């Protein structure tokens, strides 16, 4: 149901039955390698193009989620998913392979949580029994579309971020109170925020105001305090965007603790990996959430988290036409089944 101006509450508490997480070789050397189901040894993944390899990541993550959930693809009503490549072709081609009714989403790097919010809404209101949702990115495919081909060897500034090669997929189903699994309890849908930044090598700085705006809207709509959550985590702001969002939120009057406020883009890679300001890409929040964060919830590290994925809604064409960078952020609250706030 609608709560406040831009938030939904899910009284039926849709359940995240299972997940599938795939990644590339760089992720295999990162902090969270144990939270991936599949790690590839090269970026090509047995294909002739990076875009086709990207499709493989998605297909594998979907199949893994279905296998772990003991659900056949014929039982799935809908797939909500997307990526960053032109017309989200890797996801659409994966949907062609899977033959599941499909909603293609584009929210840039916010797509993972956009999909989770929509899937939860549909399941909460009885619109489906099984819904797959997720997002993905591939470093070499995304870099050559939005910046320069990796083979070019262009030097990046310290504000730049490293696009994650990975896919994260979740299988959402109606709640089963007998199972101690993560459930979604609410979502806040962001609005487009554009502060006039134009630098495609500073996505964190561009997206930070959108993240802060959605987080403030979430607490305003649901009339909660930040202490309600064990963890509030953004998708891929990196060091610069994360610090900026933290400052903006605390200036608003909401008081976050540093240890409570984290970023997926600062968790996935090791400090000695050359990622400049951190990680980004639609696969960043998807892999960290559906791998590491949910695993930590199942271990009891966190009982209730708020995940806020951010997206920069630019394109190569908008950059070439000297447009500024519009950004958005969506939030979904997740808790373990049995935890009632």
Protein backbone atom coordinates (compact mmCIF):
# COMPACT_ATOMS: atom_id res chain seq x y z
CA UNK A 1 0.00 0.00 0.00
CA UNK A 2 1.04 3.60 -0.50
CA UNK A 3 2.68 5.25 2.46
CA UNK A 4 3.39 8.96 2.35
CA UNK A 5 4.09 10.39 -1.09
CA UNK A 6 6.53 7.95 -2.74
CA UNK A 7 6.79 4.81 -0.64
CA UNK A 8 5.12 1.41 -0.58
CA UNK A 9 4.67 -0.85 2.44
CA UNK A 10 4.35 -4.59 1.79
CA UNK A 11 2.11 -6.02 4.54
CA UNK A 12 2.32 -9.51 3.03
CA UNK A 13 6.14 -9.41 3.24
CA UNK A 14 7.23 -11.01 -0.07
CA UNK A 15 10.05 -13.49 0.44
CA UNK A 16 13.41 -13.67 -1.33
CA UNK A 17 13.36 -17.42 -1.86
CA UNK A 18 16.73 -17.78 -3.56
CA UNK A 19 19.40 -15.88 -5.48
CA UNK A 20 22.01 -16.41 -8.16
CA UNK A 21 25.22 -14.36 -8.43
CA UNK A 22 27.81 -14.60 -11.19
CA UNK A 23 30.99 -12.58 -11.71
CA UNK A 24 34.18 -12.10 -13.67
CA UNK A 25 37.87 -12.59 -12.92
CA UNK A 26 38.40 -9.19 -11.28
CA UNK A 27 35.55 -9.91 -8.87
CA UNK A 28 37.18 -13.27 -8.21
CA UNK A 29 40.13 -11.39 -6.74
CA UNK A 30 37.93 -9.10 -4.64
CA UNK A 31 36.68 -9.06 -1.06
CA UNK A 32 33.41 -10.89 -1.70
CA UNK A 33 34.49 -13.81 -3.90
CA UNK A 34 32.99 -16.35 -1.47
CA UNK A 35 29.56 -14.75 -1.93
CA UNK A 36 29.47 -15.45 -5.69
CA UNK A 37 27.92 -18.66 -6.99
CA UNK A 38 29.92 -18.56 -10.23
CA UNK A 39 33.22 -16.84 -11.05
CA UNK A 40 34.63 -16.77 -14.60
CA UNK A 41 38.34 -16.88 -15.30
CA UNK A 42 38.17 -14.49 -18.28
CA UNK A 43 35.97 -11.67 -19.56
CA UNK A 44 35.03 -13.48 -22.79
CA UNK A 45 33.32 -16.43 -21.08
CA UNK A 46 33.61 -18.55 -24.20
CA UNK A 47 32.03 -15.94 -26.50
CA UNK A 48 33.26 -13.73 -29.34
CA UNK A 49 32.03 -10.43 -27.88
CA UNK A 50 31.81 -8.89 -24.42
CA UNK A 51 28.09 -8.26 -24.92
CA UNK A 52 27.46 -11.96 -25.51
CA UNK A 53 29.52 -12.73 -22.41
CA UNK A 54 27.33 -10.27 -20.54
CA UNK A 55 24.27 -12.28 -21.56
CA UNK A 56 25.90 -15.43 -20.17
CA UNK A 57 26.27 -13.80 -16.75
CA UNK A 58 22.53 -13.13 -16.64
CA UNK A 59 21.50 -16.56 -17.85
CA UNK A 60 23.73 -18.26 -15.31
CA UNK A 61 22.45 -16.14 -12.43
CA UNK A 62 18.83 -16.89 -13.38
CA UNK A 63 19.47 -20.63 -13.66
CA UNK A 64 21.30 -20.64 -10.33
CA UNK A 65 18.44 -18.82 -8.55
CA UNK A 66 15.92 -21.28 -9.98
CA UNK A 67 18.01 -24.31 -9.04
CA UNK A 68 18.58 -23.11 -5.48
CA UNK A 69 14.89 -22.26 -5.13
CA UNK A 70 13.83 -25.63 -6.60
CA UNK A 71 11.57 -23.85 -9.07
CA UNK A 72 11.23 -24.60 -12.79
CA UNK A 73 11.34 -21.65 -15.20
CA UNK A 74 7.86 -22.62 -16.43
CA UNK A 75 6.55 -21.78 -12.96
CA UNK A 76 7.84 -18.19 -13.11
CA UNK A 77 5.30 -15.55 -14.06
CA UNK A 78 7.61 -12.56 -14.71
CA UNK A 79 11.20 -11.42 -15.05
CA UNK A 80 12.02 -7.80 -14.10
CA UNK A 81 15.61 -7.05 -15.14
CA UNK A 82 17.94 -4.76 -17.05
CA UNK A 83 21.49 -3.63 -17.73
CA UNK A 84 23.45 -0.68 -19.15
CA UNK A 85 24.06 -1.71 -22.77
CA UNK A 86 22.16 -0.20 -25.71
CA UNK A 87 18.46 -1.06 -25.42
CA UNK A 88 19.34 -3.53 -22.60
CA UNK A 89 20.09 -6.17 -25.25
CA UNK A 90 22.06 -8.59 -23.03
CA UNK A 91 19.09 -8.88 -20.65
CA UNK A 92 16.58 -9.09 -23.48
CA UNK A 93 18.59 -11.82 -25.20
CA UNK A 94 18.84 -13.70 -21.89
CA UNK A 95 15.04 -13.39 -21.60
CA UNK A 96 14.82 -14.85 -25.12
CA UNK A 97 16.78 -17.87 -23.90
CA UNK A 98 14.81 -18.28 -20.67
CA UNK A 99 11.38 -17.78 -22.25
CA UNK A 100 9.94 -16.13 -19.12
CA UNK A 101 7.39 -13.25 -19.45
CA UNK A 102 9.62 -10.21 -19.31
CA UNK A 103 9.64 -6.59 -18.23
CA UNK A 104 12.85 -4.92 -19.44
CA UNK A 105 13.98 -2.19 -17.03
CA UNK A 106 16.43 0.65 -17.36
CA UNK A 107 17.31 2.62 -14.27
CA UNK A 108 21.04 2.58 -14.96
CA UNK A 109 22.81 1.37 -11.80
CA UNK A 110 19.57 1.68 -9.79
CA UNK A 111 17.97 -1.13 -11.84
CA UNK A 112 18.52 -3.88 -9.23
CA UNK A 113 16.40 -2.13 -6.60
CA UNK A 114 13.90 -0.79 -9.13
CA UNK A 115 13.27 -4.40 -10.11
CA UNK A 116 13.09 -5.62 -6.51
CA UNK A 117 10.57 -2.91 -5.63
CA UNK A 118 8.35 -3.78 -8.60
CA UNK A 119 8.62 -7.53 -8.08
CA UNK A 120 7.76 -7.14 -4.40
CA UNK A 121 4.76 -4.95 -5.25
CA UNK A 122 3.42 -7.51 -7.72
CA UNK A 123 3.88 -10.47 -5.37
CA UNK A 124 2.54 -8.55 -2.37
CA UNK A 125 -0.74 -7.88 -4.21
CA UNK A 126 -1.15 -11.42 -5.54
CA UNK A 127 -0.07 -10.65 -9.10
CA UNK A 128 2.34 -13.56 -9.28
CA UNK A 129 3.64 -16.54 -7.32
CA UNK A 130 7.20 -16.45 -8.64
CA UNK A 131 9.02 -13.39 -10.01
CA UNK A 132 12.66 -13.19 -11.02
CA UNK A 133 14.39 -9.83 -10.74
CA UNK A 134 17.91 -8.50 -11.00
CA UNK A 135 20.52 -6.50 -12.89
CA UNK A 136 23.93 -6.92 -14.44
CA UNK A 137 26.92 -5.20 -16.02
CA UNK A 138 30.14 -6.17 -17.81
CA UNK A 139 33.22 -4.01 -17.39
CA UNK A 140 34.57 -4.23 -20.93
CA UNK A 141 31.16 -3.83 -22.60
CA UNK A 142 30.08 -0.87 -20.47
CA UNK A 143 33.42 0.94 -20.57
CA UNK A 144 33.58 0.97 -24.35
CA UNK A 145 30.03 2.28 -24.60
CA UNK A 146 30.14 5.04 -22.01
CA UNK A 147 33.84 5.93 -21.88
CA UNK A 148 36.71 4.31 -23.83
CA UNK A 149 37.44 0.68 -24.79
CA UNK A 150 39.64 -0.89 -22.13
CA UNK A 151 42.19 -1.73 -24.85
CA UNK A 152 42.68 2.01 -25.40
CA UNK A 153 44.41 2.26 -22.05
CA UNK A 154 43.12 5.75 -21.27
CA UNK A 155 44.13 7.10 -17.87
CA UNK A 156 41.21 7.73 -15.52
CA UNK A 157 40.98 10.44 -12.85
CA UNK A 158 40.73 9.55 -9.13
CA UNK A 159 36.97 10.22 -9.22
CA UNK A 160 36.35 7.41 -11.75
CA UNK A 161 34.93 4.03 -10.72
CA UNK A 162 35.36 0.45 -11.91
CA UNK A 163 32.34 -1.18 -13.58
CA UNK A 164 31.52 -4.54 -12.00
CA UNK A 165 31.40 -7.62 -14.20
CA UNK A 166 28.56 -9.53 -12.64
CA UNK A 167 24.88 -10.38 -12.46
CA UNK A 168 22.65 -10.75 -9.42
CA UNK A 169 19.19 -12.33 -9.65
CA UNK A 170 16.59 -13.01 -6.94
CA UNK A 171 13.50 -15.19 -6.96
CA UNK A 172 10.60 -13.46 -5.15
CA UNK A 173 7.61 -15.43 -3.88
CA UNK A 174 4.78 -15.05 -1.33
CA UNK A 175 5.82 -15.30 2.30
CA UNK A 176 6.17 -18.63 4.04
CA UNK A 177 6.33 -17.83 7.75
CA UNK A 178 7.90 -21.20 8.50
CA UNK A 179 11.07 -20.27 6.59
CA UNK A 180 13.74 -18.00 8.05
CA UNK A 181 14.54 -16.15 4.84
CA UNK A 182 14.84 -12.45 3.92
CA UNK A 183 11.63 -10.59 3.11
CA UNK A 184 10.94 -7.17 1.62
CA UNK A 185 8.93 -4.85 3.85
CA UNK A 186 8.84 -1.50 2.04
CA UNK A 187 10.19 0.48 -0.90
CA UNK A 188 10.72 4.14 -1.72
CA UNK A 189 10.70 5.18 -5.37
CA UNK A 190 13.07 8.04 -6.17
CA UNK A 191 12.64 11.00 -8.42
CA UNK A 192 15.14 12.33 -10.94
CA UNK A 193 17.65 14.75 -9.42
CA UNK A 194 20.05 16.78 -11.58
CA UNK A 195 22.51 19.10 -9.87
CA UNK A 196 24.15 20.18 -13.13
CA UNK A 197 27.21 17.91 -13.08
CA UNK A 198 28.57 16.92 -16.49
CA UNK A 199 31.65 14.76 -15.78
CA UNK A 200 31.04 11.08 -16.72
CA UNK A 201 34.13 10.19 -14.69
CA UNK A 202 32.50 11.39 -11.46
CA UNK A 203 29.35 9.31 -11.24
CA UNK A 204 29.48 9.13 -7.45
CA UNK A 205 29.38 12.90 -7.10
CA UNK A 206 26.52 13.15 -9.58
CA UNK A 207 24.41 10.45 -7.92
CA UNK A 208 24.93 11.41 -4.27
CA UNK A 209 22.12 14.02 -4.13
CA UNK A 210 19.63 11.49 -5.55
CA UNK A 211 20.65 8.94 -2.92
CA UNK A 212 20.26 11.50 -0.14
CA UNK A 213 16.88 12.63 -1.47
CA UNK A 214 15.47 9.08 -1.57
CA UNK A 215 16.81 8.20 1.88
CA UNK A 216 15.27 11.33 3.37
CA UNK A 217 11.96 10.59 1.59
CA UNK A 218 11.99 7.03 2.95
CA UNK A 219 12.27 8.14 6.57
CA UNK A 220 9.79 10.96 6.04
CA UNK A 221 7.16 8.74 4.37
CA UNK A 222 7.47 5.86 6.82
CA UNK A 223 8.02 8.09 9.87
CA UNK A 224 11.07 6.15 10.97
CA UNK A 225 14.43 7.00 12.50
CA UNK A 226 17.71 5.77 10.97
CA UNK A 227 18.26 3.55 14.02
CA UNK A 228 15.43 1.34 12.71
CA UNK A 229 17.99 -0.26 10.37
CA UNK A 230 21.16 -2.12 11.23
CA UNK A 231 22.59 -1.05 7.87
CA UNK A 232 21.79 1.62 5.31
CA UNK A 233 23.77 0.90 2.17
CA UNK A 234 23.99 2.69 -1.17
CA UNK A 235 24.62 0.94 -4.45
CA UNK A 236 27.70 2.41 -6.05
CA UNK A 237 28.52 5.92 -4.88
CA UNK A 238 32.18 5.13 -4.23
CA UNK A 239 34.30 7.16 -1.84
CA UNK A 240 33.40 10.60 -3.19
CA UNK A 241 29.67 10.04 -3.57
CA UNK A 242 29.38 8.17 -0.29
CA UNK A 243 31.00 10.98 1.67
CA UNK A 244 28.85 13.57 -0.13
CA UNK A 245 25.61 11.68 0.54
CA UNK A 246 26.53 11.22 4.21
CA UNK A 247 27.08 14.95 4.58
CA UNK A 248 23.84 15.86 2.77
CA UNK A 249 21.76 13.46 4.90
CA UNK A 250 23.18 14.64 8.20
CA UNK A 251 22.70 18.28 7.22
CA UNK A 252 19.01 17.46 6.64
CA UNK A 253 18.61 16.59 10.31
CA UNK A 254 18.74 12.81 9.98
CA UNK A 255 21.66 11.55 12.01
CA UNK A 256 23.43 8.56 10.50
CA UNK A 257 26.36 6.78 12.09
CA UNK A 258 29.40 6.20 9.88
CA UNK A 259 29.51 2.48 10.66
CA UNK A 260 25.80 2.17 9.84
CA UNK A 261 26.11 3.87 6.43
CA UNK A 262 28.00 1.85 3.82
CA UNK A 263 28.31 1.50 0.04
CA UNK A 264 28.34 -1.63 -2.13
CA UNK A 265 30.95 -0.03 -4.37
CA UNK A 266 33.34 0.22 -1.41
CA UNK A 267 32.83 -3.38 -0.28
CA UNK A 268 33.30 -5.52 -3.35
CA UNK A 269 36.97 -4.90 -4.17
CA UNK A 270 40.16 -5.01 -2.15
CA UNK A 271 42.10 -1.85 -1.35
CA UNK A 272 44.99 -2.87 -3.60
CA UNK A 273 42.77 -3.35 -6.67
CA UNK A 274 43.05 -0.33 -9.06
CA UNK A 275 39.43 0.85 -8.87
CA UNK A 276 40.02 4.56 -8.18
CA UNK A 277 36.97 5.74 -6.16
CA UNK A 278 35.33 2.31 -5.97
CA UNK A 279 32.97 0.08 -7.94
CA UNK A 280 29.94 0.94 -10.06
CA UNK A 281 27.67 -0.64 -12.67
CA UNK A 282 24.20 -2.15 -12.52
CA UNK A 283 25.81 -5.39 -11.40
CA UNK A 284 27.42 -3.74 -8.36
CA UNK A 285 24.44 -3.47 -6.02
CA UNK A 286 22.88 -6.62 -7.56
CA UNK A 287 25.84 -8.87 -6.79
CA UNK A 288 26.60 -7.37 -3.38
CA UNK A 289 22.95 -7.52 -2.25
CA UNK A 290 22.02 -10.93 -3.62
CA UNK A 291 25.33 -12.42 -2.56
CA UNK A 292 27.12 -10.83 0.37
CA UNK A 293 24.38 -8.84 2.14
CA UNK A 294 21.72 -11.54 2.15
CA UNK A 295 24.31 -14.09 3.26
CA UNK A 296 25.22 -11.81 6.16
CA UNK A 297 21.55 -11.46 7.07
CA UNK A 298 21.16 -15.23 7.14
CA UNK A 299 24.19 -15.43 9.45
CA UNK A 300 22.55 -12.93 11.82
CA UNK A 301 24.95 -10.03 11.15
CA UNK A 302 22.01 -7.82 10.16
CA UNK A 303 18.33 -8.18 11.00
CA UNK A 304 17.04 -5.25 8.94
CA UNK A 305 18.71 -3.30 6.12
CA UNK A 306 17.82 -0.50 3.70
CA UNK A 307 19.40 -0.86 0.25
CA UNK A 308 19.49 2.29 -1.91
CA UNK A 309 20.71 1.75 -5.47
CA UNK A 310 21.64 4.83 -7.49
CA UNK A 311 21.65 5.40 -11.23
CA UNK A 312 23.10 8.03 -13.57
CA UNK A 313 20.61 8.36 -16.41
CA UNK A 314 23.03 9.65 -19.03
CA UNK A 315 23.85 8.14 -22.41
CA UNK A 316 26.70 8.62 -24.91
CA UNK A 317 24.33 10.78 -26.96
CA UNK A 318 23.36 13.04 -24.05
CA UNK A 319 27.04 13.50 -23.17
CA UNK A 320 27.90 14.38 -26.78
CA UNK A 321 25.13 16.99 -26.74
CA UNK A 322 26.59 18.58 -23.60
CA UNK A 323 23.69 17.58 -21.37
CA UNK A 324 24.04 17.39 -17.61
CA UNK A 325 23.63 14.07 -15.76
CA UNK A 326 20.16 13.32 -14.33
CA UNK A 327 20.28 10.75 -11.53
CA UNK A 328 17.88 8.61 -9.53
CA UNK A 329 17.85 6.32 -6.51
CA UNK A 330 15.40 3.67 -5.31
CA UNK A 331 15.30 2.04 -1.88
CA UNK A 332 14.00 -1.30 -0.59
CA UNK A 333 13.92 -2.36 3.06
CA UNK A 334 14.69 -6.02 3.79
CA UNK A 335 14.48 -7.95 7.05
CA UNK A 336 14.66 -11.55 8.15
CA UNK A 337 11.36 -13.37 8.38
CA UNK A 338 10.01 -13.21 11.89
CA UNK A 339 11.46 -9.77 12.60
CA UNK A 340 8.60 -7.34 13.13
CA UNK A 341 9.44 -3.65 13.55
